[in-house]
Every structure is written in structure tokens, then in C-alpha cells.
Amino acid sequence: MKSWVKMNSWTSEDTKAVKTWFDLDKYREFENISINMLYHEIWARTYFFKPVIEEGMQKTVMKNYMQILDGDPFLIKEKHLNYMDAENKLYQPPYFFITTVDRIANISFACMRKALFIRANTEQYKIDSTIENEYISEKIPEQFPTTIMLEIDLAGGSDDEIAEALRVSLPQWRKVKGVKPAPLDAVRFGYGAIKKLISYRIIPMLDLLAWSERKKVLLSDDRLSRLLYTDEDDDKAIRQGYHIRDADRPFAMKTV
């Protein structure tokens, strides 16, 4: 949350509004999903907190957010997790975006608006020869605020060679783009972290925080506690406001 954003006080109307989509019983089901699915559910939510979202991801992020507001917090379906076994569909891992038709269309429209290429006749386009070998991310930087666009020659080297080429290139790419790596204290998915993700109810917390941020409503730690826990919970499992302030909320923000 940016310190300069003016947040409004929570009112009874906000309580009514949050109850239209937030159902704690549904979120309890996250305690029974696989680690792989838990990881992807967290990853999908990281985009709710990014200051800049790539144009190619904006529709997906909004779709996910609206799905949550429609009362369905499970953003990742089992069919989405079959990518590693699929033999006829490319796997898209975190941090990488395999170019879609929609994405290339948006890039093409941006190029046309900047006259990087123009229609020569009814069937052909003409490229500005003075910039034809320049990198696309440098000509339309607004489309690539934190990313670059590249193709990988899968036949050009072994997996290790390609991975090493990517590894040694990243520092230089970051320097040129002015993009710093994620802090090293980001959450790693070890046993302890997974246990906290569940017991601290991080996924419902992230959804509540994302909602309050978009509504510009101040969501206090005590109120978070009242939303995330009920009388049905064991007293030992309930996280009070000071727990959320000192541990849970900071941990949640490290996951994104």
C-alpha cells in the first residue's frame, strides 16, 4: 500500500459490501488443496498488488478479481495444473509469458499508432527501415514497463545452456530496464511457509486487502481478525489483531 494514498474509514456499508462476496467457509477449503495449487493461487494474486500490470495480463487479472467478487475464490482449476503432463500444449511458468494472439495484436496496434509500420497498400505493410532492427520493448516501452519480449531457440542448445544464457543475461537486462529483482526475503515455499499460509489464512487475507485497497478503505488488523476468524474456530487457532499486525500481514505482503 502506498503511504500517499488517502484511505477512508471503514463504515457499516463496507461491512455489508464485503459480506456480498466474502464467505469464510469457502476459503476454509483452501486448507485441503495441493501444495502445487496453493502456490499457483498465491501467484495469481500477486498481480493484485503490482503497481504496474503488463497489458497482456490486465484482462486476466481483472477476470480473476471479478471472479472473487462473484464469490468464487478458486482462481486455478485442476485442468490448469495439467500443463506439465500435456504433450500438445506449451507450459507457461511463473515470470514468463508465452505470446498470445491477443498480446501480439495489442503490440501491433501500438506499433501502428507510433507509425513503426504503415499500410503500403491493401495487402502489405511497410516497416520504417531506420528502426527495423531495434528492440520492440524500446520502441513501445509503455507496453513493456517491466518485461522484455524474446524468442527462445529450443534447438540451439541444451536445457542447461539455454538456462545459463538466461541467467547471465538477467543482470544486464535489469540494468537497462531499471528493474530490481524481488527481495531475497520473499517467501519460499518450504514446509514452514506452507504451514503459515494455511494457519494465517493468507489467501483470504490477500483478497480482503486487495478489495480494501481498490475501495480505498482502511482495513485494520483487528477487523481483519474478525473477518478471518469466527466463534467456530478453536481459540488457539484464532489470530488476534496484534498477531496480524506483527506477523500475519507482513508475511502476506512478502508472498506477493
C-alpha atoms as a PDB file:
ATOM      1  CA  MET A   1       0.000   0.000   0.000  1.00  0.00           C
ATOM      2  CA  LYS A   2       1.407   3.398  -0.928  1.00  0.00           C
ATOM      3  CA  SER A   3       1.638   5.799   2.011  1.00  0.00           C
ATOM      4  CA  TRP A   4       0.335   8.708  -0.084  1.00  0.00           C
ATOM      5  CA  VAL A   5      -2.952   7.016  -0.965  1.00  0.00           C
ATOM      6  CA  LYS A   6      -5.760   8.520   1.099  1.00  0.00           C
ATOM      7  CA  MET A   7      -7.727   5.746   2.770  1.00  0.00           C
ATOM      8  CA  ASN A   8     -11.276   6.196   4.017  1.00  0.00           C
ATOM      9  CA  SER A   9     -12.507   4.896   7.353  1.00  0.00           C
ATOM     10  CA  TRP A  10     -14.395   1.606   7.399  1.00  0.00           C
ATOM     11  CA  THR A  11     -18.170   2.019   7.669  1.00  0.00           C
ATOM     12  CA  SER A  12     -21.179  -0.243   8.114  1.00  0.00           C
ATOM     13  CA  GLU A  13     -21.702  -0.019   4.348  1.00  0.00           C
ATOM     14  CA  ASP A  14     -18.286  -1.587   3.817  1.00  0.00           C
ATOM     15  CA  THR A  15     -19.237  -4.419   6.156  1.00  0.00           C
ATOM     16  CA  LYS A  16     -22.347  -5.075   4.074  1.00  0.00           C
ATOM     17  CA  ALA A  17     -20.355  -4.859   0.835  1.00  0.00           C
ATOM     18  CA  VAL A  18     -17.650  -7.299   1.889  1.00  0.00           C
ATOM     19  CA  LYS A  19     -20.254  -9.829   3.018  1.00  0.00           C
ATOM     20  CA  THR A  20     -21.694  -9.951  -0.511  1.00  0.00           C
ATOM     21  CA  TRP A  21     -18.628 -11.860  -1.723  1.00  0.00           C
ATOM     22  CA  PHE A  22     -16.506 -12.958   1.247  1.00  0.00           C
ATOM     23  CA  ASP A  23     -17.571 -16.380   2.540  1.00  0.00           C
ATOM     24  CA  LEU A  24     -15.107 -17.752   5.087  1.00  0.00           C
ATOM     25  CA  ASP A  25     -16.469 -21.284   4.719  1.00  0.00           C
ATOM     26  CA  LYS A  26     -15.438 -21.308   1.059  1.00  0.00           C
ATOM     27  CA  TYR A  27     -11.957 -20.137   1.964  1.00  0.00           C
ATOM     28  CA  ARG A  28     -11.604 -22.947   4.509  1.00  0.00           C
ATOM     29  CA  GLU A  29     -11.470 -25.305   1.527  1.00  0.00           C
ATOM     30  CA  PHE A  30      -8.017 -23.926   0.695  1.00  0.00           C
ATOM     31  CA  GLU A  31      -6.763 -25.981   3.640  1.00  0.00           C
ATOM     32  CA  ASN A  32      -7.380 -29.122   1.577  1.00  0.00           C
ATOM     33  CA  ILE A  33      -5.792 -28.235  -1.771  1.00  0.00           C
ATOM     34  CA  SER A  34      -2.425 -29.468  -3.031  1.00  0.00           C
ATOM     35  CA  ILE A  35       0.789 -27.529  -2.474  1.00  0.00           C
ATOM     36  CA  ASN A  36       1.079 -27.033  -6.231  1.00  0.00           C
ATOM     37  CA  MET A  37      -2.368 -25.483  -6.438  1.00  0.00           C
ATOM     38  CA  LEU A  38      -1.721 -23.379  -3.324  1.00  0.00           C
ATOM     39  CA  TYR A  39       1.402 -21.985  -4.961  1.00  0.00           C
ATOM     40  CA  HIS A  40      -0.479 -21.052  -8.131  1.00  0.00           C
ATOM     41  CA  GLU A  41      -3.368 -19.485  -6.183  1.00  0.00           C
ATOM     42  CA  ILE A  42      -0.872 -17.235  -4.395  1.00  0.00           C
ATOM     43  CA  TRP A  43       0.923 -16.456  -7.656  1.00  0.00           C
ATOM     44  CA  ALA A  44      -2.335 -15.418  -9.343  1.00  0.00           C
ATOM     45  CA  ARG A  45      -2.969 -12.967  -6.503  1.00  0.00           C
ATOM     46  CA  THR A  46       0.442 -11.306  -6.702  1.00  0.00           C
ATOM     47  CA  TYR A  47      -0.884  -9.290  -9.657  1.00  0.00           C
ATOM     48  CA  PHE A  48      -3.470  -7.607  -7.429  1.00  0.00           C
ATOM     49  CA  PHE A  49      -0.627  -5.791  -5.683  1.00  0.00           C
ATOM     50  CA  LYS A  50       1.663  -4.910  -8.579  1.00  0.00           C
ATOM     51  CA  PRO A  51       1.936  -1.157  -9.236  1.00  0.00           C
ATOM     52  CA  VAL A  52       2.184  -1.854 -12.982  1.00  0.00           C
ATOM     53  CA  ILE A  53       0.499  -4.749 -14.814  1.00  0.00           C
ATOM     54  CA  GLU A  54       1.537  -5.717 -18.319  1.00  0.00           C
ATOM     55  CA  GLU A  55      -1.213  -5.001 -20.849  1.00  0.00           C
ATOM     56  CA  GLY A  56      -1.286  -8.652 -21.862  1.00  0.00           C
ATOM     57  CA  MET A  57      -2.150  -9.648 -18.273  1.00  0.00           C
ATOM     58  CA  GLN A  58      -4.658  -6.921 -17.432  1.00  0.00           C
ATOM     59  CA  LYS A  59      -7.701  -8.832 -18.692  1.00  0.00           C
ATOM     60  CA  THR A  60      -6.716 -11.966 -16.769  1.00  0.00           C
ATOM     61  CA  VAL A  61      -6.082 -10.030 -13.561  1.00  0.00           C
ATOM     62  CA  MET A  62      -9.436  -8.246 -13.801  1.00  0.00           C
ATOM     63  CA  LYS A  63     -11.196 -11.524 -14.610  1.00  0.00           C
ATOM     64  CA  ASN A  64      -9.651 -13.131 -11.517  1.00  0.00           C
ATOM     65  CA  TYR A  65     -10.597 -10.192  -9.319  1.00  0.00           C
ATOM     66  CA  MET A  66     -14.197 -10.184 -10.551  1.00  0.00           C
ATOM     67  CA  GLN A  67     -14.398 -13.946 -10.045  1.00  0.00           C
ATOM     68  CA  ILE A  68     -13.513 -13.429  -6.389  1.00  0.00           C
ATOM     69  CA  LEU A  69     -16.184 -10.740  -6.079  1.00  0.00           C
ATOM     70  CA  ASP A  70     -18.641 -13.195  -7.630  1.00  0.00           C
ATOM     71  CA  GLY A  71     -17.980 -15.493  -4.677  1.00  0.00           C
ATOM     72  CA  ASP A  72     -15.565 -17.958  -6.284  1.00  0.00           C
ATOM     73  CA  PRO A  73     -12.060 -17.555  -4.792  1.00  0.00           C
ATOM     74  CA  PHE A  74     -10.616 -20.617  -6.544  1.00  0.00           C
ATOM     75  CA  LEU A  75      -8.829 -18.990  -9.459  1.00  0.00           C
ATOM     76  CA  ILE A  76      -6.860 -22.063 -10.523  1.00  0.00           C
ATOM     77  CA  LYS A  77      -8.679 -25.125 -11.796  1.00  0.00           C
ATOM     78  CA  GLU A  78      -7.307 -28.647 -11.923  1.00  0.00           C
ATOM     79  CA  LYS A  79      -7.169 -28.512 -15.719  1.00  0.00           C
ATOM     80  CA  HIS A  80      -4.754 -25.581 -15.438  1.00  0.00           C
ATOM     81  CA  LEU A  81      -2.333 -27.766 -13.491  1.00  0.00           C
ATOM     82  CA  ASN A  82      -2.078 -30.484 -16.101  1.00  0.00           C
ATOM     83  CA  TYR A  83       0.378 -28.439 -18.139  1.00  0.00           C
ATOM     84  CA  MET A  84       3.440 -30.451 -17.079  1.00  0.00           C
ATOM     85  CA  ASP A  85       1.843 -33.660 -18.342  1.00  0.00           C
ATOM     86  CA  ALA A  86       0.379 -32.226 -21.521  1.00  0.00           C
ATOM     87  CA  GLU A  87       2.167 -33.186 -24.711  1.00  0.00           C
ATOM     88  CA  ASN A  88       0.345 -30.793 -27.026  1.00  0.00           C
ATOM     89  CA  LYS A  89       0.247 -27.507 -25.086  1.00  0.00           C
ATOM     90  CA  LEU A  90       3.098 -25.246 -24.017  1.00  0.00           C
ATOM     91  CA  TYR A  91       3.661 -24.808 -20.285  1.00  0.00           C
ATOM     92  CA  GLN A  92       3.710 -21.173 -19.162  1.00  0.00           C
ATOM     93  CA  PRO A  93       5.683 -20.928 -15.909  1.00  0.00           C
ATOM     94  CA  PRO A  94       5.640 -18.019 -13.472  1.00  0.00           C
ATOM     95  CA  TYR A  95       7.644 -14.959 -14.613  1.00  0.00           C
ATOM     96  CA  PHE A  96       7.330 -15.955 -18.304  1.00  0.00           C
ATOM     97  CA  PHE A  97       4.549 -15.098 -20.747  1.00  0.00           C
ATOM     98  CA  ILE A  98       4.223 -17.091 -23.946  1.00  0.00           C
ATOM     99  CA  THR A  99       2.930 -14.605 -26.504  1.00  0.00           C
ATOM    100  CA  THR A 100      -0.787 -14.911 -27.243  1.00  0.00           C
ATOM    101  CA  VAL A 101      -2.673 -13.659 -30.286  1.00  0.00           C
ATOM    102  CA  ASP A 102      -4.319 -11.008 -28.116  1.00  0.00           C
ATOM    103  CA  ARG A 103      -0.940  -9.805 -26.867  1.00  0.00           C
ATOM    104  CA  ILE A 104       0.640  -9.604 -30.329  1.00  0.00           C
ATOM    105  CA  ALA A 105      -2.436  -7.745 -31.601  1.00  0.00           C
ATOM    106  CA  ASN A 106      -2.132  -5.126 -28.847  1.00  0.00           C
ATOM    107  CA  ILE A 107       1.575  -4.718 -29.616  1.00  0.00           C
ATOM    108  CA  SER A 108       0.818  -4.364 -33.334  1.00  0.00           C
ATOM    109  CA  PHE A 109      -1.797  -1.695 -32.674  1.00  0.00           C
ATOM    110  CA  ALA A 110       0.699   0.199 -30.519  1.00  0.00           C
ATOM    111  CA  CYS A 111       3.282  -0.020 -33.317  1.00  0.00           C
ATOM    112  CA  MET A 112       0.793   1.331 -35.831  1.00  0.00           C
ATOM    113  CA  ARG A 113      -0.145   4.227 -33.555  1.00  0.00           C
ATOM    114  CA  LYS A 114       3.531   5.188 -33.455  1.00  0.00           C
ATOM    115  CA  ALA A 115       3.905   4.631 -37.218  1.00  0.00           C
ATOM    116  CA  LEU A 116       6.590   1.975 -36.746  1.00  0.00           C
ATOM    117  CA  PHE A 117       4.959   0.316 -39.717  1.00  0.00           C
ATOM    118  CA  ILE A 118       2.271   1.578 -42.038  1.00  0.00           C
ATOM    119  CA  ARG A 119      -0.014   0.160 -44.696  1.00  0.00           C
ATOM    120  CA  ALA A 120       1.796   0.271 -48.056  1.00  0.00           C
ATOM    121  CA  ASN A 121      -1.245  -0.954 -49.986  1.00  0.00           C
ATOM    122  CA  THR A 122      -4.347  -3.012 -49.359  1.00  0.00           C
ATOM    123  CA  GLU A 123      -2.364  -6.203 -48.713  1.00  0.00           C
ATOM    124  CA  GLN A 124       1.046  -5.159 -47.406  1.00  0.00           C
ATOM    125  CA  TYR A 125       2.596  -3.123 -44.626  1.00  0.00           C
ATOM    126  CA  LYS A 126       5.803  -1.132 -44.814  1.00  0.00           C
ATOM    127  CA  ILE A 127       8.301  -1.052 -41.941  1.00  0.00           C
ATOM    128  CA  ASP A 128      10.295   2.060 -41.110  1.00  0.00           C
ATOM    129  CA  SER A 129      13.750   0.893 -42.247  1.00  0.00           C
ATOM    130  CA  THR A 130      15.530   3.144 -39.747  1.00  0.00           C
ATOM    131  CA  ILE A 131      14.203   1.192 -36.776  1.00  0.00           C
ATOM    132  CA  GLU A 132      13.553  -2.299 -38.175  1.00  0.00           C
ATOM    133  CA  ASN A 133      16.385  -3.888 -36.142  1.00  0.00           C
ATOM    134  CA  GLU A 134      15.689  -2.093 -32.878  1.00  0.00           C
ATOM    135  CA  TYR A 135      14.150  -3.913 -29.923  1.00  0.00           C
ATOM    136  CA  ILE A 136      10.384  -3.696 -29.735  1.00  0.00           C
ATOM    137  CA  SER A 137      10.433  -3.122 -25.965  1.00  0.00           C
ATOM    138  CA  GLU A 138      12.497   0.034 -26.539  1.00  0.00           C
ATOM    139  CA  LYS A 139      10.220   1.458 -29.231  1.00  0.00           C
ATOM    140  CA  ILE A 140       6.969   0.995 -27.319  1.00  0.00           C
ATOM    141  CA  PRO A 141       8.178   0.926 -23.686  1.00  0.00           C
ATOM    142  CA  GLU A 142       4.686   1.568 -22.353  1.00  0.00           C
ATOM    143  CA  GLN A 143       3.823  -1.986 -23.431  1.00  0.00           C
ATOM    144  CA  PHE A 144       6.826  -3.424 -21.583  1.00  0.00           C
ATOM    145  CA  PRO A 145       7.293  -1.485 -18.314  1.00  0.00           C
ATOM    146  CA  THR A 146       8.977  -4.396 -16.506  1.00  0.00           C
ATOM    147  CA  THR A 147       9.345  -7.029 -19.241  1.00  0.00           C
ATOM    148  CA  ILE A 148      11.192  -7.732 -22.450  1.00  0.00           C
ATOM    149  CA  MET A 149       9.993  -9.725 -25.436  1.00  0.00           C
ATOM    150  CA  LEU A 150      12.167 -12.502 -26.786  1.00  0.00           C
ATOM    151  CA  GLU A 151      12.107 -15.797 -28.642  1.00  0.00           C
ATOM    152  CA  ILE A 152      13.982 -18.873 -27.425  1.00  0.00           C
ATOM    153  CA  ASP A 153      15.668 -21.156 -29.941  1.00  0.00           C
ATOM    154  CA  LEU A 154      14.900 -24.530 -28.363  1.00  0.00           C
ATOM    155  CA  ALA A 155      17.006 -26.317 -30.978  1.00  0.00           C
ATOM    156  CA  GLY A 156      20.000 -24.054 -30.476  1.00  0.00           C
ATOM    157  CA  GLY A 157      21.325 -25.533 -27.243  1.00  0.00           C
ATOM    158  CA  SER A 158      20.768 -27.865 -24.321  1.00  0.00           C
ATOM    159  CA  ASP A 159      18.436 -27.008 -21.440  1.00  0.00           C
ATOM    160  CA  ASP A 160      21.436 -26.167 -19.252  1.00  0.00           C
ATOM    161  CA  GLU A 161      22.986 -23.950 -21.927  1.00  0.00           C
ATOM    162  CA  ILE A 162      19.767 -22.038 -22.523  1.00  0.00           C
ATOM    163  CA  ALA A 163      19.151 -21.642 -18.777  1.00  0.00           C
ATOM    164  CA  GLU A 164      22.726 -20.401 -18.246  1.00  0.00           C
ATOM    165  CA  ALA A 165      22.408 -17.879 -21.088  1.00  0.00           C
ATOM    166  CA  LEU A 166      19.251 -16.554 -19.453  1.00  0.00           C
ATOM    167  CA  ARG A 167      20.876 -16.433 -16.018  1.00  0.00           C
ATOM    168  CA  VAL A 168      23.888 -14.376 -17.134  1.00  0.00           C
ATOM    169  CA  SER A 169      21.694 -12.037 -19.208  1.00  0.00           C
ATOM    170  CA  LEU A 170      19.266 -11.111 -16.443  1.00  0.00           C
ATOM    171  CA  PRO A 171      21.528  -8.644 -14.561  1.00  0.00           C
ATOM    172  CA  GLN A 172      22.244  -6.691 -17.753  1.00  0.00           C
ATOM    173  CA  TRP A 173      18.594  -6.683 -18.802  1.00  0.00           C
ATOM    174  CA  ARG A 174      17.578  -5.457 -15.347  1.00  0.00           C
ATOM    175  CA  LYS A 175      20.162  -2.673 -15.505  1.00  0.00           C
ATOM    176  CA  VAL A 176      18.931  -1.477 -18.896  1.00  0.00           C
ATOM    177  CA  LYS A 177      15.264  -1.657 -17.851  1.00  0.00           C
ATOM    178  CA  GLY A 178      15.871  -0.279 -14.369  1.00  0.00           C
ATOM    179  CA  VAL A 179      14.024  -3.197 -12.773  1.00  0.00           C
ATOM    180  CA  LYS A 180      15.320  -4.554  -9.481  1.00  0.00           C
ATOM    181  CA  PRO A 181      14.917  -8.236  -8.542  1.00  0.00           C
ATOM    182  CA  ALA A 182      12.415  -9.259  -5.897  1.00  0.00           C
ATOM    183  CA  PRO A 183      13.882  -9.014  -2.376  1.00  0.00           C
ATOM    184  CA  LEU A 184      15.593 -12.112  -1.076  1.00  0.00           C
ATOM    185  CA  ASP A 185      13.288 -12.174   1.930  1.00  0.00           C
ATOM    186  CA  ALA A 186      10.353 -13.102  -0.315  1.00  0.00           C
ATOM    187  CA  VAL A 187       8.543 -16.205   0.877  1.00  0.00           C
ATOM    188  CA  ARG A 188       9.965 -19.529  -0.277  1.00  0.00           C
ATOM    189  CA  PHE A 189       7.595 -22.483  -0.328  1.00  0.00           C
ATOM    190  CA  GLY A 190       9.167 -24.635   2.356  1.00  0.00           C
ATOM    191  CA  TYR A 191       7.196 -26.605   4.935  1.00  0.00           C
ATOM    192  CA  GLY A 192       7.188 -23.745   7.447  1.00  0.00           C
ATOM    193  CA  ALA A 193       5.934 -21.227   4.894  1.00  0.00           C
ATOM    194  CA  ILE A 194       3.168 -23.544   3.711  1.00  0.00           C
ATOM    195  CA  LYS A 195       2.036 -24.086   7.290  1.00  0.00           C
ATOM    196  CA  LYS A 196       1.851 -20.317   7.802  1.00  0.00           C
ATOM    197  CA  LEU A 197      -0.012 -19.789   4.523  1.00  0.00           C
ATOM    198  CA  ILE A 198      -2.752 -22.047   5.826  1.00  0.00           C
ATOM    199  CA  SER A 199      -2.836 -21.200   9.540  1.00  0.00           C
ATOM    200  CA  TYR A 200      -2.551 -17.451   8.923  1.00  0.00           C
ATOM    201  CA  ARG A 201      -5.274 -17.720   6.243  1.00  0.00           C
ATOM    202  CA  ILE A 202      -3.146 -15.769   3.816  1.00  0.00           C
ATOM    203  CA  ILE A 203      -5.280 -16.281   0.694  1.00  0.00           C
ATOM    204  CA  PRO A 204      -8.483 -14.817   2.179  1.00  0.00           C
ATOM    205  CA  MET A 205      -6.375 -12.073   3.763  1.00  0.00           C
ATOM    206  CA  LEU A 206      -4.889 -11.148   0.387  1.00  0.00           C
ATOM    207  CA  ASP A 207      -8.337 -10.991  -1.182  1.00  0.00           C
ATOM    208  CA  LEU A 208      -9.611  -8.749   1.603  1.00  0.00           C
ATOM    209  CA  LEU A 209      -6.564  -6.494   1.344  1.00  0.00           C
ATOM    210  CA  ALA A 210      -6.882  -6.282  -2.445  1.00  0.00           C
ATOM    211  CA  TRP A 211     -10.559  -5.385  -2.120  1.00  0.00           C
ATOM    212  CA  SER A 212      -9.942  -2.729   0.539  1.00  0.00           C
ATOM    213  CA  GLU A 213      -7.104  -1.227  -1.489  1.00  0.00           C
ATOM    214  CA  ARG A 214      -9.277  -0.854  -4.562  1.00  0.00           C
ATOM    215  CA  LYS A 215     -12.101   0.561  -2.454  1.00  0.00           C
ATOM    216  CA  LYS A 216      -9.578   2.856  -0.716  1.00  0.00           C
ATOM    217  CA  VAL A 217     -10.932   1.709   2.632  1.00  0.00           C
ATOM    218  CA  LEU A 218      -8.733   1.277   5.698  1.00  0.00           C
ATOM    219  CA  LEU A 219      -8.804  -2.353   6.827  1.00  0.00           C
ATOM    220  CA  SER A 220      -7.427  -2.541  10.356  1.00  0.00           C
ATOM    221  CA  ASP A 221      -5.703  -5.564  11.847  1.00  0.00           C
ATOM    222  CA  ASP A 222      -8.477  -6.026  14.399  1.00  0.00           C
ATOM    223  CA  ARG A 223     -11.121  -6.004  11.680  1.00  0.00           C
ATOM    224  CA  LEU A 224      -9.103  -8.467   9.623  1.00  0.00           C
ATOM    225  CA  SER A 225      -9.087 -10.770  12.633  1.00  0.00           C
ATOM    226  CA  ARG A 226     -12.874 -10.527  12.953  1.00  0.00           C
ATOM    227  CA  LEU A 227     -13.330 -11.289   9.249  1.00  0.00           C
ATOM    228  CA  LEU A 228     -10.865 -14.176   9.117  1.00  0.00           C
ATOM    229  CA  TYR A 229     -11.940 -15.963  12.309  1.00  0.00           C
ATOM    230  CA  THR A 230     -15.282 -16.798  13.899  1.00  0.00           C
ATOM    231  CA  ASP A 231     -16.607 -18.404  17.067  1.00  0.00           C
ATOM    232  CA  GLU A 232     -16.428 -21.736  15.251  1.00  0.00           C
ATOM    233  CA  ASP A 233     -12.635 -21.583  15.320  1.00  0.00           C
ATOM    234  CA  ASP A 234     -10.621 -23.054  18.146  1.00  0.00           C
ATOM    235  CA  ASP A 235      -9.367 -20.332  20.485  1.00  0.00           C
ATOM    236  CA  LYS A 236      -5.783 -21.454  19.886  1.00  0.00           C
ATOM    237  CA  ALA A 237      -6.202 -21.040  16.122  1.00  0.00           C
ATOM    238  CA  ILE A 238      -7.585 -17.507  16.239  1.00  0.00           C
ATOM    239  CA  ARG A 239      -5.095 -14.824  15.264  1.00  0.00           C
ATOM    240  CA  GLN A 240      -5.754 -11.592  17.106  1.00  0.00           C
ATOM    241  CA  GLY A 241      -5.171  -8.119  15.712  1.00  0.00           C
ATOM    242  CA  TYR A 242      -1.693  -7.867  17.198  1.00  0.00           C
ATOM    243  CA  HIS A 243      -0.745 -11.221  15.628  1.00  0.00           C
ATOM    244  CA  ILE A 244      -1.875  -9.934  12.251  1.00  0.00           C
ATOM    245  CA  ARG A 245      -0.061  -6.623  12.736  1.00  0.00           C
ATOM    246  CA  ASP A 246       3.250  -8.149  13.849  1.00  0.00           C
ATOM    247  CA  ALA A 247       3.389 -11.336  11.773  1.00  0.00           C
ATOM    248  CA  ASP A 248       0.499 -12.258   9.504  1.00  0.00           C
ATOM    249  CA  ARG A 249       0.063  -9.112   7.416  1.00  0.00           C
ATOM    250  CA  PRO A 250       3.845  -8.652   6.864  1.00  0.00           C
ATOM    251  CA  PHE A 251       4.087 -12.324   5.889  1.00  0.00           C
ATOM    252  CA  ALA A 252       1.160 -11.950   3.476  1.00  0.00           C
ATOM    253  CA  MET A 253       2.784  -8.999   1.746  1.00  0.00           C
ATOM    254  CA  LYS A 254       6.049 -10.920   1.402  1.00  0.00           C
ATOM    255  CA  THR A 255       4.217 -13.570  -0.592  1.00  0.00           C
ATOM    256  CA  VAL A 256       3.291 -11.012  -3.246  1.00  0.00           C
END
